[in-house]
Amino acid sequence: MLRIFIADASRDLVVLRLDGRIGGRWVELLRKTCEVPLNAGARVTVDLMNVSFSDRDGITLLRQLKERQVEFLNISPFIACEIEIPPSSGSKG
């Protein structure tokens, strides 16, 4: 299960907070949730502090979002390694 919260939203920036696991049918939900602001020209930031797991499809989506300049906060070292983002000092782990 994945819960997606809009932590902050303006015309130029949307901050999403995720809780749970990025996998299965939840990957498409996350994709659609990010597409709307990205297609409108807004920056998107995704807080992954409470993400416990991501399956292969979830990792693929995170890579695609990274290519679209989505910023990730509080990313676990494992997920960061999988999508090749150096973990920040505020990351979980």
C-alpha atoms as a PDB file:
ATOM      1  CA  MET A   1       0.000   0.000   0.000  1.00  0.00           C
ATOM      2  CA  LEU A   2       1.150   3.526  -0.759  1.00  0.00           C
ATOM      3  CA  ARG A   3      -0.342   6.714   0.585  1.00  0.00           C
ATOM      4  CA  ILE A   4       0.429   9.955  -1.198  1.00  0.00           C
ATOM      5  CA  PHE A   5      -0.015  13.228   0.648  1.00  0.00           C
ATOM      6  CA  ILE A   6       0.272  16.647  -0.910  1.00  0.00           C
ATOM      7  CA  ALA A   7       2.423  18.333   1.728  1.00  0.00           C
ATOM      8  CA  ASP A   8       2.611  21.650  -0.115  1.00  0.00           C
ATOM      9  CA  ALA A   9       1.323  22.922  -3.419  1.00  0.00           C
ATOM     10  CA  SER A  10       1.555  26.101  -5.392  1.00  0.00           C
ATOM     11  CA  ARG A  11       1.520  26.886  -9.066  1.00  0.00           C
ATOM     12  CA  ASP A  12       5.299  26.436  -9.260  1.00  0.00           C
ATOM     13  CA  LEU A  13       6.020  23.681  -6.736  1.00  0.00           C
ATOM     14  CA  VAL A  14       4.301  20.540  -5.486  1.00  0.00           C
ATOM     15  CA  VAL A  15       5.726  18.589  -2.547  1.00  0.00           C
ATOM     16  CA  LEU A  16       4.492  15.019  -2.137  1.00  0.00           C
ATOM     17  CA  ARG A  17       5.037  12.881   0.952  1.00  0.00           C
ATOM     18  CA  LEU A  18       4.859   9.125   0.458  1.00  0.00           C
ATOM     19  CA  ASP A  19       4.092   6.491   3.088  1.00  0.00           C
ATOM     20  CA  GLY A  20       4.404   2.773   2.419  1.00  0.00           C
ATOM     21  CA  ARG A  21       5.689   0.783  -0.522  1.00  0.00           C
ATOM     22  CA  ILE A  22       6.162   1.815  -4.143  1.00  0.00           C
ATOM     23  CA  GLY A  23       5.085  -1.242  -6.064  1.00  0.00           C
ATOM     24  CA  GLY A  24       2.336  -2.947  -8.004  1.00  0.00           C
ATOM     25  CA  ARG A  25      -0.657  -0.814  -8.857  1.00  0.00           C
ATOM     26  CA  TRP A  26       0.671   2.020  -6.675  1.00  0.00           C
ATOM     27  CA  VAL A  27       3.404   2.769  -9.218  1.00  0.00           C
ATOM     28  CA  GLU A  28       0.832   3.974 -11.734  1.00  0.00           C
ATOM     29  CA  LEU A  29      -0.913   6.061  -9.077  1.00  0.00           C
ATOM     30  CA  LEU A  30       2.374   7.791  -8.242  1.00  0.00           C
ATOM     31  CA  ARG A  31       3.117   8.308 -11.945  1.00  0.00           C
ATOM     32  CA  LYS A  32      -0.264   9.971 -12.518  1.00  0.00           C
ATOM     33  CA  THR A  33       0.052  12.076  -9.367  1.00  0.00           C
ATOM     34  CA  CYS A  34       3.412  13.432 -10.563  1.00  0.00           C
ATOM     35  CA  GLU A  35       2.381  13.891 -14.194  1.00  0.00           C
ATOM     36  CA  VAL A  36      -0.248  16.536 -13.510  1.00  0.00           C
ATOM     37  CA  PRO A  37       2.053  19.157 -11.939  1.00  0.00           C
ATOM     38  CA  LEU A  38       5.001  18.243 -14.183  1.00  0.00           C
ATOM     39  CA  ASN A  39       2.905  18.714 -17.316  1.00  0.00           C
ATOM     40  CA  ALA A  40       1.742  22.075 -15.937  1.00  0.00           C
ATOM     41  CA  GLY A  41       5.377  23.191 -15.610  1.00  0.00           C
ATOM     42  CA  ALA A  42       5.645  22.929 -11.824  1.00  0.00           C
ATOM     43  CA  ARG A  43       8.626  21.514  -9.975  1.00  0.00           C
ATOM     44  CA  VAL A  44       7.900  18.354  -8.023  1.00  0.00           C
ATOM     45  CA  THR A  45       9.607  17.240  -4.827  1.00  0.00           C
ATOM     46  CA  VAL A  46       8.934  13.805  -3.370  1.00  0.00           C
ATOM     47  CA  ASP A  47       9.667  13.033   0.286  1.00  0.00           C
ATOM     48  CA  LEU A  48      10.489   9.333   0.629  1.00  0.00           C
ATOM     49  CA  MET A  49      11.141   9.287   4.391  1.00  0.00           C
ATOM     50  CA  ASN A  50       8.352   6.792   5.085  1.00  0.00           C
ATOM     51  CA  VAL A  51       8.883   4.564   2.045  1.00  0.00           C
ATOM     52  CA  SER A  52       9.893   1.107   3.212  1.00  0.00           C
ATOM     53  CA  PHE A  53      10.307  -0.607  -0.175  1.00  0.00           C
ATOM     54  CA  SER A  54      10.226  -0.113  -3.918  1.00  0.00           C
ATOM     55  CA  ASP A  55       9.864  -2.913  -6.440  1.00  0.00           C
ATOM     56  CA  ARG A  56      11.468  -2.947  -9.890  1.00  0.00           C
ATOM     57  CA  ASP A  57       8.637  -0.965 -11.504  1.00  0.00           C
ATOM     58  CA  GLY A  58       8.827   1.589  -8.701  1.00  0.00           C
ATOM     59  CA  ILE A  59      12.578   1.996  -9.199  1.00  0.00           C
ATOM     60  CA  THR A  60      12.015   2.451 -12.939  1.00  0.00           C
ATOM     61  CA  LEU A  61       9.456   5.172 -12.239  1.00  0.00           C
ATOM     62  CA  LEU A  62      11.764   6.929  -9.774  1.00  0.00           C
ATOM     63  CA  ARG A  63      14.516   6.908 -12.413  1.00  0.00           C
ATOM     64  CA  GLN A  64      12.117   8.409 -14.944  1.00  0.00           C
ATOM     65  CA  LEU A  65      11.052  11.083 -12.475  1.00  0.00           C
ATOM     66  CA  LYS A  66      14.708  11.853 -11.719  1.00  0.00           C
ATOM     67  CA  GLU A  67      15.264  12.416 -15.458  1.00  0.00           C
ATOM     68  CA  ARG A  68      12.376  14.901 -15.352  1.00  0.00           C
ATOM     69  CA  GLN A  69      14.155  16.851 -12.595  1.00  0.00           C
ATOM     70  CA  VAL A  70      11.967  15.619  -9.735  1.00  0.00           C
ATOM     71  CA  GLU A  71      13.780  16.165  -6.438  1.00  0.00           C
ATOM     72  CA  PHE A  72      13.801  13.430  -3.803  1.00  0.00           C
ATOM     73  CA  LEU A  73      14.049  14.125  -0.073  1.00  0.00           C
ATOM     74  CA  ASN A  74      14.924  11.677   2.703  1.00  0.00           C
ATOM     75  CA  ILE A  75      15.708   8.882   0.290  1.00  0.00           C
ATOM     76  CA  SER A  76      16.981   5.614   1.766  1.00  0.00           C
ATOM     77  CA  PRO A  77      20.519   4.592   0.805  1.00  0.00           C
ATOM     78  CA  PHE A  78      19.159   1.448  -0.882  1.00  0.00           C
ATOM     79  CA  ILE A  79      16.702   3.300  -3.118  1.00  0.00           C
ATOM     80  CA  ALA A  80      19.279   6.042  -3.791  1.00  0.00           C
ATOM     81  CA  CYS A  81      21.733   3.392  -4.964  1.00  0.00           C
ATOM     82  CA  GLU A  82      19.109   1.790  -7.178  1.00  0.00           C
ATOM     83  CA  ILE A  83      18.319   5.077  -8.911  1.00  0.00           C
ATOM     84  CA  GLU A  84      21.910   6.335  -8.621  1.00  0.00           C
ATOM     85  CA  ILE A  85      21.356   9.372  -6.396  1.00  0.00           C
ATOM     86  CA  PRO A  86      23.901  10.023  -3.652  1.00  0.00           C
ATOM     87  CA  PRO A  87      22.011  10.025  -0.312  1.00  0.00           C
ATOM     88  CA  SER A  88      21.756  13.403   1.374  1.00  0.00           C
ATOM     89  CA  SER A  89      22.826  14.001   4.954  1.00  0.00           C
ATOM     90  CA  GLY A  90      19.148  14.053   5.958  1.00  0.00           C
ATOM     91  CA  SER A  91      18.427  10.681   4.416  1.00  0.00           C
ATOM     92  CA  LYS A  92      17.042   7.723   6.277  1.00  0.00           C
ATOM     93  CA  GLY A  93      19.393   4.918   7.155  1.00  0.00           C
END
